[in-house]
């Protein structure tokens, strides 16, 4: 008797699962078509290169200090040697601190990325969420991430619709 009562319930649940709608996006495609994102990435790249050059210059100075020390160490008294070694170590420590300040986990580059990129990503996420709710999608997958999609029918590709919702005209063809 219990089995007979459960059968319609299970059938109803399984039919509900089949009626769910799915879609996918390619976040790289969407972001790559957004001028604000492209500009933000260019700004981050420019800052990164400038900061990397700044750090490399510091390490070149340290290398020059060390080579000069090696050349002169034979003629230097012991207290002068120690002072020079301490100067080299201090310069190296300062350069490593600068590197950490610029590129560390909570460094300048991370903060700048949060400032420039996060609002754009939030805007995209909101557009995806609104679009999915309007169209009653149960799931929207991102094929650009770690999620592996072996097959994706292009009729479920909503990239261009999301770009349109964001007011952006796509530059390239979606769906690879």
C-alpha atoms as a PDB file:
ATOM      1  CA  UNK A   1       0.000   0.000   0.000  1.00  0.00           C
ATOM      2  CA  UNK A   2       2.807   2.402   0.933  1.00  0.00           C
ATOM      3  CA  UNK A   3       4.550   1.635  -2.345  1.00  0.00           C
ATOM      4  CA  UNK A   4       1.441   2.592  -4.303  1.00  0.00           C
ATOM      5  CA  UNK A   5       1.218   5.940  -2.511  1.00  0.00           C
ATOM      6  CA  UNK A   6       4.879   6.719  -3.087  1.00  0.00           C
ATOM      7  CA  UNK A   7       4.748   5.929  -6.798  1.00  0.00           C
ATOM      8  CA  UNK A   8       2.706   9.020  -7.831  1.00  0.00           C
ATOM      9  CA  UNK A   9       4.829  11.206  -5.572  1.00  0.00           C
ATOM     10  CA  UNK A  10       8.077   9.935  -7.133  1.00  0.00           C
ATOM     11  CA  UNK A  11       6.638  10.284 -10.632  1.00  0.00           C
ATOM     12  CA  UNK A  12       5.638  13.878  -9.879  1.00  0.00           C
ATOM     13  CA  UNK A  13       9.099  14.686  -8.567  1.00  0.00           C
ATOM     14  CA  UNK A  14      10.840  13.145 -11.559  1.00  0.00           C
ATOM     15  CA  UNK A  15       8.574  15.022 -13.978  1.00  0.00           C
ATOM     16  CA  UNK A  16       9.374  18.231 -12.104  1.00  0.00           C
ATOM     17  CA  UNK A  17      13.068  17.605 -12.597  1.00  0.00           C
ATOM     18  CA  UNK A  18      12.646  17.144 -16.330  1.00  0.00           C
ATOM     19  CA  UNK A  19      10.694  20.376 -16.660  1.00  0.00           C
ATOM     20  CA  UNK A  20      13.491  22.498 -15.186  1.00  0.00           C
ATOM     21  CA  UNK A  21      15.187  24.840 -17.602  1.00  0.00           C
ATOM     22  CA  UNK A  22      18.944  25.126 -17.917  1.00  0.00           C
ATOM     23  CA  UNK A  23      21.198  27.644 -19.617  1.00  0.00           C
ATOM     24  CA  UNK A  24      24.866  28.401 -19.775  1.00  0.00           C
ATOM     25  CA  UNK A  25      27.081  31.420 -20.097  1.00  0.00           C
ATOM     26  CA  UNK A  26      30.747  31.974 -20.855  1.00  0.00           C
ATOM     27  CA  UNK A  27      31.883  34.606 -18.365  1.00  0.00           C
ATOM     28  CA  UNK A  28      35.089  35.200 -20.333  1.00  0.00           C
ATOM     29  CA  UNK A  29      33.042  35.959 -23.435  1.00  0.00           C
ATOM     30  CA  UNK A  30      30.673  38.282 -21.571  1.00  0.00           C
ATOM     31  CA  UNK A  31      33.421  40.157 -19.748  1.00  0.00           C
ATOM     32  CA  UNK A  32      35.569  40.308 -22.884  1.00  0.00           C
ATOM     33  CA  UNK A  33      32.747  42.113 -24.675  1.00  0.00           C
ATOM     34  CA  UNK A  34      32.285  44.698 -21.936  1.00  0.00           C
ATOM     35  CA  UNK A  35      34.353  47.835 -22.642  1.00  0.00           C
ATOM     36  CA  UNK A  36      34.475  48.711 -18.932  1.00  0.00           C
ATOM     37  CA  UNK A  37      36.000  45.311 -18.122  1.00  0.00           C
ATOM     38  CA  UNK A  38      38.507  45.508 -20.976  1.00  0.00           C
ATOM     39  CA  UNK A  39      39.555  48.997 -19.781  1.00  0.00           C
ATOM     40  CA  UNK A  40      39.836  47.804 -16.174  1.00  0.00           C
ATOM     41  CA  UNK A  41      41.999  44.847 -17.250  1.00  0.00           C
ATOM     42  CA  UNK A  42      44.222  47.181 -19.287  1.00  0.00           C
ATOM     43  CA  UNK A  43      44.612  49.444 -16.252  1.00  0.00           C
ATOM     44  CA  UNK A  44      45.506  46.471 -14.038  1.00  0.00           C
ATOM     45  CA  UNK A  45      48.033  45.229 -16.596  1.00  0.00           C
ATOM     46  CA  UNK A  46      49.612  48.689 -16.840  1.00  0.00           C
ATOM     47  CA  UNK A  47      49.874  48.983 -13.042  1.00  0.00           C
ATOM     48  CA  UNK A  48      51.260  45.469 -12.765  1.00  0.00           C
ATOM     49  CA  UNK A  49      53.968  46.153 -15.341  1.00  0.00           C
ATOM     50  CA  UNK A  50      54.926  49.467 -13.683  1.00  0.00           C
ATOM     51  CA  UNK A  51      55.108  47.870 -10.252  1.00  0.00           C
ATOM     52  CA  UNK A  52      57.075  44.898 -11.575  1.00  0.00           C
ATOM     53  CA  UNK A  53      59.567  47.280 -13.224  1.00  0.00           C
ATOM     54  CA  UNK A  54      59.861  49.200  -9.940  1.00  0.00           C
ATOM     55  CA  UNK A  55      60.651  45.991  -8.045  1.00  0.00           C
ATOM     56  CA  UNK A  56      63.103  44.755 -10.682  1.00  0.00           C
ATOM     57  CA  UNK A  57      64.934  48.096 -10.480  1.00  0.00           C
ATOM     58  CA  UNK A  58      65.260  47.656  -6.692  1.00  0.00           C
ATOM     59  CA  UNK A  59      66.718  44.162  -7.124  1.00  0.00           C
ATOM     60  CA  UNK A  60      69.165  45.445  -9.766  1.00  0.00           C
ATOM     61  CA  UNK A  61      70.320  48.097  -7.291  1.00  0.00           C
ATOM     62  CA  UNK A  62      70.814  45.399  -4.668  1.00  0.00           C
ATOM     63  CA  UNK A  63      72.763  43.272  -7.143  1.00  0.00           C
ATOM     64  CA  UNK A  64      75.002  46.261  -7.947  1.00  0.00           C
ATOM     65  CA  UNK A  65      75.504  46.926  -4.226  1.00  0.00           C
ATOM     66  CA  UNK A  66      76.495  43.292  -3.693  1.00  0.00           C
ATOM     67  CA  UNK A  67      78.938  43.229  -6.617  1.00  0.00           C
ATOM     68  CA  UNK A  68      80.556  46.465  -5.413  1.00  0.00           C
ATOM     69  CA  UNK A  69      80.799  45.007  -1.924  1.00  0.00           C
ATOM     70  CA  UNK A  70      82.486  41.857  -3.269  1.00  0.00           C
ATOM     71  CA  UNK A  71      85.046  43.925  -5.175  1.00  0.00           C
ATOM     72  CA  UNK A  72      85.850  46.157  -2.206  1.00  0.00           C
ATOM     73  CA  UNK A  73      85.505  43.636   0.633  1.00  0.00           C
ATOM     74  CA  UNK A  74      89.199  42.698   0.536  1.00  0.00           C
ATOM     75  CA  UNK A  75      90.202  46.282   1.325  1.00  0.00           C
ATOM     76  CA  UNK A  76      87.459  47.070   3.850  1.00  0.00           C
ATOM     77  CA  UNK A  77      87.939  46.830   7.618  1.00  0.00           C
ATOM     78  CA  UNK A  78      85.699  44.325   9.422  1.00  0.00           C
ATOM     79  CA  UNK A  79      83.256  46.924  10.819  1.00  0.00           C
ATOM     80  CA  UNK A  80      82.794  48.470   7.317  1.00  0.00           C
ATOM     81  CA  UNK A  81      82.140  44.978   5.879  1.00  0.00           C
ATOM     82  CA  UNK A  82      79.452  44.343   8.481  1.00  0.00           C
ATOM     83  CA  UNK A  83      77.871  47.751   7.814  1.00  0.00           C
ATOM     84  CA  UNK A  84      77.768  47.082   4.041  1.00  0.00           C
ATOM     85  CA  UNK A  85      76.312  43.606   4.564  1.00  0.00           C
ATOM     86  CA  UNK A  86      73.608  45.072   6.786  1.00  0.00           C
ATOM     87  CA  UNK A  87      72.832  47.723   4.144  1.00  0.00           C
ATOM     88  CA  UNK A  88      72.495  45.035   1.460  1.00  0.00           C
ATOM     89  CA  UNK A  89      70.269  42.894   3.691  1.00  0.00           C
ATOM     90  CA  UNK A  90      68.120  45.928   4.589  1.00  0.00           C
ATOM     91  CA  UNK A  91      67.750  46.874   0.909  1.00  0.00           C
ATOM     92  CA  UNK A  92      66.813  43.288   0.028  1.00  0.00           C
ATOM     93  CA  UNK A  93      64.265  43.157   2.854  1.00  0.00           C
ATOM     94  CA  UNK A  94      62.758  46.465   1.694  1.00  0.00           C
ATOM     95  CA  UNK A  95      62.519  45.186  -1.896  1.00  0.00           C
ATOM     96  CA  UNK A  96      60.794  41.987  -0.761  1.00  0.00           C
ATOM     97  CA  UNK A  97      58.388  44.028   1.383  1.00  0.00           C
ATOM     98  CA  UNK A  98      57.610  46.228  -1.613  1.00  0.00           C
ATOM     99  CA  UNK A  99      57.000  43.120  -3.710  1.00  0.00           C
ATOM    100  CA  UNK A 100      54.648  41.766  -1.033  1.00  0.00           C
ATOM    101  CA  UNK A 101      52.915  45.166  -0.739  1.00  0.00           C
ATOM    102  CA  UNK A 102      52.299  45.309  -4.487  1.00  0.00           C
ATOM    103  CA  UNK A 103      51.584  41.653  -5.324  1.00  0.00           C
ATOM    104  CA  UNK A 104      50.777  39.938  -2.008  1.00  0.00           C
ATOM    105  CA  UNK A 105      47.450  38.322  -1.176  1.00  0.00           C
ATOM    106  CA  UNK A 106      46.101  41.613   0.165  1.00  0.00           C
ATOM    107  CA  UNK A 107      48.451  43.816  -1.846  1.00  0.00           C
ATOM    108  CA  UNK A 108      47.905  46.847  -4.034  1.00  0.00           C
ATOM    109  CA  UNK A 109      47.143  44.793  -7.153  1.00  0.00           C
ATOM    110  CA  UNK A 110      44.513  42.739  -5.306  1.00  0.00           C
ATOM    111  CA  UNK A 111      42.912  45.908  -3.904  1.00  0.00           C
ATOM    112  CA  UNK A 112      42.928  47.611  -7.300  1.00  0.00           C
ATOM    113  CA  UNK A 113      41.394  44.499  -8.901  1.00  0.00           C
ATOM    114  CA  UNK A 114      38.659  44.554  -6.247  1.00  0.00           C
ATOM    115  CA  UNK A 115      38.071  48.242  -6.918  1.00  0.00           C
ATOM    116  CA  UNK A 116      37.946  47.961 -10.720  1.00  0.00           C
ATOM    117  CA  UNK A 117      36.709  44.435 -11.518  1.00  0.00           C
ATOM    118  CA  UNK A 118      34.365  43.464  -8.682  1.00  0.00           C
ATOM    119  CA  UNK A 119      31.670  46.075  -9.492  1.00  0.00           C
ATOM    120  CA  UNK A 120      31.627  44.868 -13.107  1.00  0.00           C
ATOM    121  CA  UNK A 121      31.391  41.221 -12.047  1.00  0.00           C
ATOM    122  CA  UNK A 122      28.607  42.096  -9.594  1.00  0.00           C
ATOM    123  CA  UNK A 123      26.724  43.866 -12.390  1.00  0.00           C
ATOM    124  CA  UNK A 124      27.078  40.822 -14.646  1.00  0.00           C
ATOM    125  CA  UNK A 125      25.972  38.464 -11.869  1.00  0.00           C
ATOM    126  CA  UNK A 126      22.919  40.615 -11.174  1.00  0.00           C
ATOM    127  CA  UNK A 127      22.005  40.642 -14.881  1.00  0.00           C
ATOM    128  CA  UNK A 128      22.384  36.848 -15.054  1.00  0.00           C
ATOM    129  CA  UNK A 129      20.276  36.399 -11.948  1.00  0.00           C
ATOM    130  CA  UNK A 130      17.534  38.718 -13.241  1.00  0.00           C
ATOM    131  CA  UNK A 131      17.543  37.083 -16.668  1.00  0.00           C
ATOM    132  CA  UNK A 132      17.381  33.592 -15.142  1.00  0.00           C
ATOM    133  CA  UNK A 133      14.456  34.563 -12.894  1.00  0.00           C
ATOM    134  CA  UNK A 134      12.586  36.247 -15.781  1.00  0.00           C
ATOM    135  CA  UNK A 135      12.975  33.132 -17.932  1.00  0.00           C
ATOM    136  CA  UNK A 136      12.505  30.658 -15.041  1.00  0.00           C
ATOM    137  CA  UNK A 137      15.878  28.927 -15.438  1.00  0.00           C
ATOM    138  CA  UNK A 138      16.628  26.471 -12.665  1.00  0.00           C
ATOM    139  CA  UNK A 139      20.380  26.552 -13.345  1.00  0.00           C
ATOM    140  CA  UNK A 140      22.795  28.731 -15.274  1.00  0.00           C
ATOM    141  CA  UNK A 141      26.229  27.194 -15.743  1.00  0.00           C
ATOM    142  CA  UNK A 142      29.453  29.023 -16.552  1.00  0.00           C
ATOM    143  CA  UNK A 143      31.421  27.066 -19.122  1.00  0.00           C
ATOM    144  CA  UNK A 144      34.481  29.311 -18.664  1.00  0.00           C
ATOM    145  CA  UNK A 145      35.130  28.132 -15.107  1.00  0.00           C
ATOM    146  CA  UNK A 146      36.265  24.840 -13.662  1.00  0.00           C
ATOM    147  CA  UNK A 147      32.900  23.269 -14.413  1.00  0.00           C
ATOM    148  CA  UNK A 148      33.401  20.968 -17.361  1.00  0.00           C
ATOM    149  CA  UNK A 149      30.612  20.953 -19.879  1.00  0.00           C
ATOM    150  CA  UNK A 150      31.147  18.188 -22.385  1.00  0.00           C
ATOM    151  CA  UNK A 151      28.303  19.295 -24.605  1.00  0.00           C
ATOM    152  CA  UNK A 152      26.289  22.494 -24.684  1.00  0.00           C
ATOM    153  CA  UNK A 153      23.484  23.016 -27.160  1.00  0.00           C
ATOM    154  CA  UNK A 154      23.732  26.590 -28.421  1.00  0.00           C
ATOM    155  CA  UNK A 155      19.994  27.113 -27.910  1.00  0.00           C
ATOM    156  CA  UNK A 156      20.736  27.316 -24.166  1.00  0.00           C
ATOM    157  CA  UNK A 157      23.523  29.898 -24.640  1.00  0.00           C
ATOM    158  CA  UNK A 158      22.356  33.130 -23.028  1.00  0.00           C
ATOM    159  CA  UNK A 159      25.626  35.104 -23.361  1.00  0.00           C
ATOM    160  CA  UNK A 160      24.302  37.620 -25.879  1.00  0.00           C
ATOM    161  CA  UNK A 161      21.067  38.037 -23.930  1.00  0.00           C
ATOM    162  CA  UNK A 162      23.055  38.887 -20.795  1.00  0.00           C
ATOM    163  CA  UNK A 163      25.183  41.356 -22.764  1.00  0.00           C
ATOM    164  CA  UNK A 164      21.999  42.929 -24.138  1.00  0.00           C
ATOM    165  CA  UNK A 165      20.596  43.178 -20.596  1.00  0.00           C
ATOM    166  CA  UNK A 166      23.826  44.981 -19.645  1.00  0.00           C
ATOM    167  CA  UNK A 167      23.426  47.285 -22.645  1.00  0.00           C
ATOM    168  CA  UNK A 168      26.519  45.935 -24.395  1.00  0.00           C
ATOM    169  CA  UNK A 169      26.758  44.965 -28.053  1.00  0.00           C
ATOM    170  CA  UNK A 170      28.800  41.796 -28.576  1.00  0.00           C
ATOM    171  CA  UNK A 171      31.990  42.082 -30.620  1.00  0.00           C
ATOM    172  CA  UNK A 172      32.516  38.401 -31.340  1.00  0.00           C
ATOM    173  CA  UNK A 173      30.437  35.305 -31.891  1.00  0.00           C
ATOM    174  CA  UNK A 174      29.378  33.398 -28.759  1.00  0.00           C
ATOM    175  CA  UNK A 175      29.323  29.657 -28.284  1.00  0.00           C
ATOM    176  CA  UNK A 176      32.734  28.606 -29.668  1.00  0.00           C
END
